[in-house]
Amino acid sequence: MFIRRAREPGKGKLAPPGGFIDIGETAEAAACREVREELGAELAGLRFIGSEPNTYLYREVSYPTLDIFFAARLAPGAQPKALEDVASFGWFKASEVAEQDLAFPSMQAAWRKLLGS
């Protein structure tokens, strides 16, 4: 599942649900929280894919970030819906997602790792 970003940077591009980790929060807890905030759904079975350096442009300042990627399943009975910062979401076969459709280079690198290429 990917979301389509409703805001810049990357507006209109595909991305996994995500955002920034809060102080004192684990990466796993942040991933679950972001899916709740963006899709109103719970996750099950998180699996670490990897991390990738990135930059995030915010108010004309480019911030260095470390993006952390997980694969997961939705919890049984989850009914996702587009919420905060999400224009839409959808389920895609791997063959339907081109790297250039992903919002950030870090996501493209994680996608290659996930596909084993």
C-alpha atoms as a PDB file:
ATOM      1  CA  MET A   1       0.000   0.000   0.000  1.00  0.00           C
ATOM      2  CA  PHE A   2       1.194   3.480  -0.809  1.00  0.00           C
ATOM      3  CA  ILE A   3      -0.275   6.878  -0.080  1.00  0.00           C
ATOM      4  CA  ARG A   4      -0.308   9.759  -2.544  1.00  0.00           C
ATOM      5  CA  ARG A   5       1.140  12.803  -0.802  1.00  0.00           C
ATOM      6  CA  ALA A   6      -1.235  15.763  -0.430  1.00  0.00           C
ATOM      7  CA  ARG A   7       1.511  18.305   0.389  1.00  0.00           C
ATOM      8  CA  GLU A   8       4.981  19.346  -0.657  1.00  0.00           C
ATOM      9  CA  PRO A   9       7.585  18.099  -0.709  1.00  0.00           C
ATOM     10  CA  GLY A  10       6.618  15.354  -3.097  1.00  0.00           C
ATOM     11  CA  LYS A  11       2.996  16.440  -3.534  1.00  0.00           C
ATOM     12  CA  GLY A  12       1.176  13.968  -5.768  1.00  0.00           C
ATOM     13  CA  LYS A  13       3.926  11.344  -5.539  1.00  0.00           C
ATOM     14  CA  LEU A  14       3.640   7.892  -4.000  1.00  0.00           C
ATOM     15  CA  ALA A  15       5.120   7.193  -0.572  1.00  0.00           C
ATOM     16  CA  PRO A  16       4.767   4.737   2.254  1.00  0.00           C
ATOM     17  CA  PRO A  17       2.865   6.275   5.179  1.00  0.00           C
ATOM     18  CA  GLY A  18       5.357   8.037   7.426  1.00  0.00           C
ATOM     19  CA  GLY A  19       6.663  11.093   9.146  1.00  0.00           C
ATOM     20  CA  PHE A  20       9.007  12.211  11.877  1.00  0.00           C
ATOM     21  CA  ILE A  21       9.798  10.298  15.052  1.00  0.00           C
ATOM     22  CA  ASP A  22       8.759  12.049  18.261  1.00  0.00           C
ATOM     23  CA  ILE A  23      11.243  12.510  21.112  1.00  0.00           C
ATOM     24  CA  GLY A  24      11.379   9.315  23.164  1.00  0.00           C
ATOM     25  CA  GLU A  25       9.559   7.274  20.515  1.00  0.00           C
ATOM     26  CA  THR A  26      10.957   4.153  18.835  1.00  0.00           C
ATOM     27  CA  ALA A  27      11.030   3.855  15.057  1.00  0.00           C
ATOM     28  CA  GLU A  28       8.537   0.992  15.272  1.00  0.00           C
ATOM     29  CA  ALA A  29       6.118   3.000  17.430  1.00  0.00           C
ATOM     30  CA  ALA A  30       6.463   5.980  15.067  1.00  0.00           C
ATOM     31  CA  ALA A  31       5.634   3.799  12.054  1.00  0.00           C
ATOM     32  CA  CYS A  32       2.485   2.533  13.763  1.00  0.00           C
ATOM     33  CA  ARG A  33       1.486   6.045  14.900  1.00  0.00           C
ATOM     34  CA  GLU A  34       1.989   7.522  11.424  1.00  0.00           C
ATOM     35  CA  VAL A  35      -0.225   4.851   9.847  1.00  0.00           C
ATOM     36  CA  ARG A  36      -2.915   5.640  12.461  1.00  0.00           C
ATOM     37  CA  GLU A  37      -2.591   9.396  11.771  1.00  0.00           C
ATOM     38  CA  GLU A  38      -2.562   9.090   7.976  1.00  0.00           C
ATOM     39  CA  LEU A  39      -4.873   6.108   7.411  1.00  0.00           C
ATOM     40  CA  GLY A  40      -6.709   5.474  10.683  1.00  0.00           C
ATOM     41  CA  ALA A  41      -5.486   1.863  10.704  1.00  0.00           C
ATOM     42  CA  GLU A  42      -3.380  -0.385  12.919  1.00  0.00           C
ATOM     43  CA  LEU A  43      -0.354  -2.361  11.753  1.00  0.00           C
ATOM     44  CA  ALA A  44       0.767  -5.906  12.464  1.00  0.00           C
ATOM     45  CA  GLY A  45       4.042  -7.703  11.807  1.00  0.00           C
ATOM     46  CA  LEU A  46       6.525  -4.896  11.166  1.00  0.00           C
ATOM     47  CA  ARG A  47       9.684  -6.022   9.337  1.00  0.00           C
ATOM     48  CA  PHE A  48      12.725  -3.746   9.030  1.00  0.00           C
ATOM     49  CA  ILE A  49      13.790  -3.125   5.420  1.00  0.00           C
ATOM     50  CA  GLY A  50      16.599  -0.631   5.968  1.00  0.00           C
ATOM     51  CA  SER A  51      17.511   2.997   6.425  1.00  0.00           C
ATOM     52  CA  GLU A  52      18.539   5.603   3.882  1.00  0.00           C
ATOM     53  CA  PRO A  53      19.918   9.132   4.213  1.00  0.00           C
ATOM     54  CA  ASN A  54      17.718  11.873   2.808  1.00  0.00           C
ATOM     55  CA  THR A  55      17.166  15.607   2.885  1.00  0.00           C
ATOM     56  CA  TYR A  56      13.820  17.190   3.682  1.00  0.00           C
ATOM     57  CA  LEU A  57      13.074  20.697   2.434  1.00  0.00           C
ATOM     58  CA  TYR A  58      10.919  22.652   4.893  1.00  0.00           C
ATOM     59  CA  ARG A  59      10.369  26.414   4.700  1.00  0.00           C
ATOM     60  CA  GLU A  60      13.326  26.812   2.342  1.00  0.00           C
ATOM     61  CA  VAL A  61      15.713  24.963   4.692  1.00  0.00           C
ATOM     62  CA  SER A  62      17.082  21.567   3.707  1.00  0.00           C
ATOM     63  CA  TYR A  63      17.298  19.272   6.743  1.00  0.00           C
ATOM     64  CA  PRO A  64      19.367  16.069   6.707  1.00  0.00           C
ATOM     65  CA  THR A  65      17.278  13.081   7.784  1.00  0.00           C
ATOM     66  CA  LEU A  66      17.670   9.344   8.143  1.00  0.00           C
ATOM     67  CA  ASP A  67      14.625   7.607   6.702  1.00  0.00           C
ATOM     68  CA  ILE A  68      13.757   4.216   8.216  1.00  0.00           C
ATOM     69  CA  PHE A  69      11.675   1.763   6.214  1.00  0.00           C
ATOM     70  CA  PHE A  70       9.508  -1.137   7.317  1.00  0.00           C
ATOM     71  CA  ALA A  71       7.263  -3.602   5.553  1.00  0.00           C
ATOM     72  CA  ALA A  72       4.082  -4.467   7.448  1.00  0.00           C
ATOM     73  CA  ARG A  73       0.607  -5.848   7.196  1.00  0.00           C
ATOM     74  CA  LEU A  74      -2.549  -4.109   8.273  1.00  0.00           C
ATOM     75  CA  ALA A  75      -4.062  -5.574  11.420  1.00  0.00           C
ATOM     76  CA  PRO A  76      -7.057  -7.867  10.847  1.00  0.00           C
ATOM     77  CA  GLY A  77     -10.221  -5.850  10.332  1.00  0.00           C
ATOM     78  CA  ALA A  78      -8.380  -2.583   9.566  1.00  0.00           C
ATOM     79  CA  GLN A  79     -10.356  -0.219   7.353  1.00  0.00           C
ATOM     80  CA  PRO A  80      -7.884   2.411   6.093  1.00  0.00           C
ATOM     81  CA  LYS A  81      -9.042   5.803   4.840  1.00  0.00           C
ATOM     82  CA  ALA A  82      -7.153   8.880   3.646  1.00  0.00           C
ATOM     83  CA  LEU A  83      -6.670  11.243   6.597  1.00  0.00           C
ATOM     84  CA  GLU A  84      -3.996  13.846   7.455  1.00  0.00           C
ATOM     85  CA  ASP A  85      -1.648  14.839   4.584  1.00  0.00           C
ATOM     86  CA  VAL A  86      -2.943  12.004   2.367  1.00  0.00           C
ATOM     87  CA  ALA A  87      -4.606  12.760  -0.971  1.00  0.00           C
ATOM     88  CA  SER A  88      -5.401   9.082  -1.545  1.00  0.00           C
ATOM     89  CA  PHE A  89      -4.025   5.596  -0.990  1.00  0.00           C
ATOM     90  CA  GLY A  90      -4.008   2.352  -2.868  1.00  0.00           C
ATOM     91  CA  TRP A  91      -2.720  -1.171  -3.153  1.00  0.00           C
ATOM     92  CA  PHE A  92      -0.195  -1.662  -5.937  1.00  0.00           C
ATOM     93  CA  LYS A  93       1.575  -4.696  -7.352  1.00  0.00           C
ATOM     94  CA  ALA A  94       5.358  -4.283  -7.319  1.00  0.00           C
ATOM     95  CA  SER A  95       5.328  -4.170 -11.125  1.00  0.00           C
ATOM     96  CA  GLU A  96       2.964  -1.164 -11.024  1.00  0.00           C
ATOM     97  CA  VAL A  97       5.315   1.070  -9.020  1.00  0.00           C
ATOM     98  CA  ALA A  98       8.116   2.796 -10.907  1.00  0.00           C
ATOM     99  CA  GLU A  99      10.955   4.290  -8.867  1.00  0.00           C
ATOM    100  CA  GLN A 100      10.360   7.752 -10.346  1.00  0.00           C
ATOM    101  CA  ASP A 101       6.791   7.679  -8.968  1.00  0.00           C
ATOM    102  CA  LEU A 102       8.139   7.575  -5.380  1.00  0.00           C
ATOM    103  CA  ALA A 103       8.447  10.903  -3.577  1.00  0.00           C
ATOM    104  CA  PHE A 104      12.088  10.809  -2.413  1.00  0.00           C
ATOM    105  CA  PRO A 105      15.381   9.192  -3.491  1.00  0.00           C
ATOM    106  CA  SER A 106      15.538   7.427  -0.110  1.00  0.00           C
ATOM    107  CA  MET A 107      12.199   5.748  -0.888  1.00  0.00           C
ATOM    108  CA  GLN A 108      13.488   4.694  -4.280  1.00  0.00           C
ATOM    109  CA  ALA A 109      16.544   3.087  -2.646  1.00  0.00           C
ATOM    110  CA  ALA A 110      14.360   1.299  -0.065  1.00  0.00           C
ATOM    111  CA  TRP A 111      12.078   0.074  -2.852  1.00  0.00           C
ATOM    112  CA  ARG A 112      15.090  -1.429  -4.635  1.00  0.00           C
ATOM    113  CA  LYS A 113      16.119  -3.156  -1.373  1.00  0.00           C
ATOM    114  CA  LEU A 114      12.639  -4.552  -0.864  1.00  0.00           C
ATOM    115  CA  LEU A 115      12.531  -5.911  -4.408  1.00  0.00           C
ATOM    116  CA  GLY A 116      16.063  -7.289  -4.100  1.00  0.00           C
ATOM    117  CA  SER A 117      17.419  -5.300  -7.046  1.00  0.00           C
END
